[in-house]
Amino acid sequence: MEIFLNISNNLRFTMSVKEIVFSMMAVMVIVFALFPFFRKREVKRNNLEVKYFDALRAKSENLTELGLEYYMNLGLDEEGAKRSIENDMAHTK
């Protein structure tokens, strides 16, 4: 414990205003560079969700196909997706 305290007392983390501003600008550049990639995934996921729940509400014939695509896009495996679809169908009857 004493070693940790001695090390932490000897280290001084001081940042000037310039360093803080440049750090924040770097973070903003990274966020804006990655934004289109994540936004495309989000839009695709939202569209799949809307299609799936509209098909579920209308008891559509291609419900299983849309459900598989939706749940697999969320990261479930095929078996988990089928269980989720069955669960959704059971709750909408």
Protein backbone atom coordinates (compact mmCIF):
# COMPACT_ATOMS: atom_id res chain seq x y z
CA MET A 1 0.00 0.00 0.00
CA GLU A 2 2.85 2.38 0.83
CA ILE A 3 4.45 1.80 -2.56
CA PHE A 4 1.22 2.73 -4.32
CA LEU A 5 0.87 5.90 -2.28
CA ASN A 6 4.48 6.92 -2.90
CA ILE A 7 4.11 6.38 -6.64
CA SER A 8 0.83 8.24 -6.82
CA ASN A 9 2.21 11.16 -4.80
CA ASN A 10 5.17 11.50 -7.16
CA LEU A 11 3.06 11.54 -10.31
CA ARG A 12 1.37 14.76 -11.22
CA PHE A 13 -1.24 14.77 -13.94
CA THR A 14 -1.68 18.34 -14.97
CA MET A 15 -3.14 19.33 -18.28
CA SER A 16 -3.24 22.76 -19.75
CA VAL A 17 -6.32 24.15 -21.41
CA LYS A 18 -4.74 23.58 -24.83
CA GLU A 19 -4.17 19.89 -24.10
CA ILE A 20 -7.74 19.46 -22.93
CA VAL A 21 -9.13 21.21 -26.01
CA PHE A 22 -6.95 19.19 -28.39
CA SER A 23 -7.94 15.96 -26.62
CA MET A 24 -11.62 16.80 -26.94
CA MET A 25 -11.18 17.70 -30.60
CA ALA A 26 -9.43 14.38 -31.24
CA VAL A 27 -12.30 12.50 -29.62
CA MET A 28 -14.82 14.44 -31.71
CA VAL A 29 -12.95 13.65 -34.93
CA ILE A 30 -12.93 9.95 -34.06
CA VAL A 31 -16.64 9.99 -33.22
CA PHE A 32 -17.56 11.74 -36.46
CA ALA A 33 -15.33 9.37 -38.45
CA LEU A 34 -17.08 6.31 -36.98
CA PHE A 35 -20.58 7.79 -37.01
CA PRO A 36 -21.60 6.71 -40.56
CA PHE A 37 -20.69 3.07 -39.92
CA PHE A 38 -22.71 2.81 -36.72
CA ARG A 39 -25.58 4.85 -38.14
CA LYS A 40 -25.97 2.48 -41.10
CA ARG A 41 -26.16 -0.50 -38.74
CA GLU A 42 -28.68 1.31 -36.55
CA VAL A 43 -30.92 2.22 -39.50
CA LYS A 44 -30.79 -1.35 -40.82
CA ARG A 45 -31.65 -2.76 -37.39
CA ASN A 46 -34.54 -0.31 -36.95
CA ASN A 47 -35.96 -1.15 -40.39
CA LEU A 48 -35.78 -4.87 -39.64
CA GLU A 49 -37.49 -4.30 -36.31
CA VAL A 50 -40.34 -2.34 -37.90
CA LYS A 51 -40.85 -4.94 -40.63
CA TYR A 52 -40.80 -7.82 -38.14
CA PHE A 53 -43.25 -6.31 -35.69
CA ASP A 54 -45.58 -5.17 -38.48
CA ALA A 55 -45.54 -8.73 -39.84
CA LEU A 56 -46.14 -10.05 -36.32
CA ARG A 57 -49.11 -7.75 -35.87
CA ALA A 58 -50.55 -8.71 -39.27
CA LYS A 59 -49.75 -12.42 -38.76
CA SER A 60 -47.92 -12.41 -42.08
CA GLU A 61 -46.76 -15.57 -43.86
CA ASN A 62 -43.11 -14.52 -43.99
CA LEU A 63 -43.00 -13.85 -40.24
CA THR A 64 -40.41 -16.55 -39.53
CA GLU A 65 -38.12 -15.32 -42.29
CA LEU A 66 -38.29 -11.71 -41.09
CA GLY A 67 -37.91 -12.80 -37.48
CA LEU A 68 -34.81 -14.84 -38.25
CA GLU A 69 -33.24 -11.94 -40.09
CA TYR A 70 -34.12 -9.51 -37.28
CA TYR A 71 -32.94 -11.66 -34.37
CA MET A 72 -29.79 -12.86 -36.14
CA ASN A 73 -28.94 -9.21 -36.83
CA LEU A 74 -29.24 -8.63 -33.08
CA GLY A 75 -26.63 -11.35 -32.53
CA LEU A 76 -28.69 -14.42 -31.68
CA ASP A 77 -27.92 -17.77 -33.21
CA GLU A 78 -30.55 -19.51 -35.33
CA GLU A 79 -31.88 -21.64 -32.47
CA GLY A 80 -32.23 -18.66 -30.14
CA ALA A 81 -33.89 -16.65 -32.89
CA LYS A 82 -36.46 -19.40 -33.48
CA ARG A 83 -37.22 -19.56 -29.75
CA SER A 84 -37.69 -15.79 -29.64
CA ILE A 85 -40.01 -15.91 -32.66
CA GLU A 86 -42.10 -18.65 -31.05
CA ASN A 87 -42.23 -16.64 -27.84
CA ASP A 88 -43.33 -13.52 -29.74
CA MET A 89 -46.01 -15.48 -31.59
CA ALA A 90 -47.29 -16.97 -28.33
CA HIS A 91 -47.66 -13.52 -26.78
CA THR A 92 -49.56 -12.01 -29.72
CA LYS A 93 -52.35 -14.60 -29.89
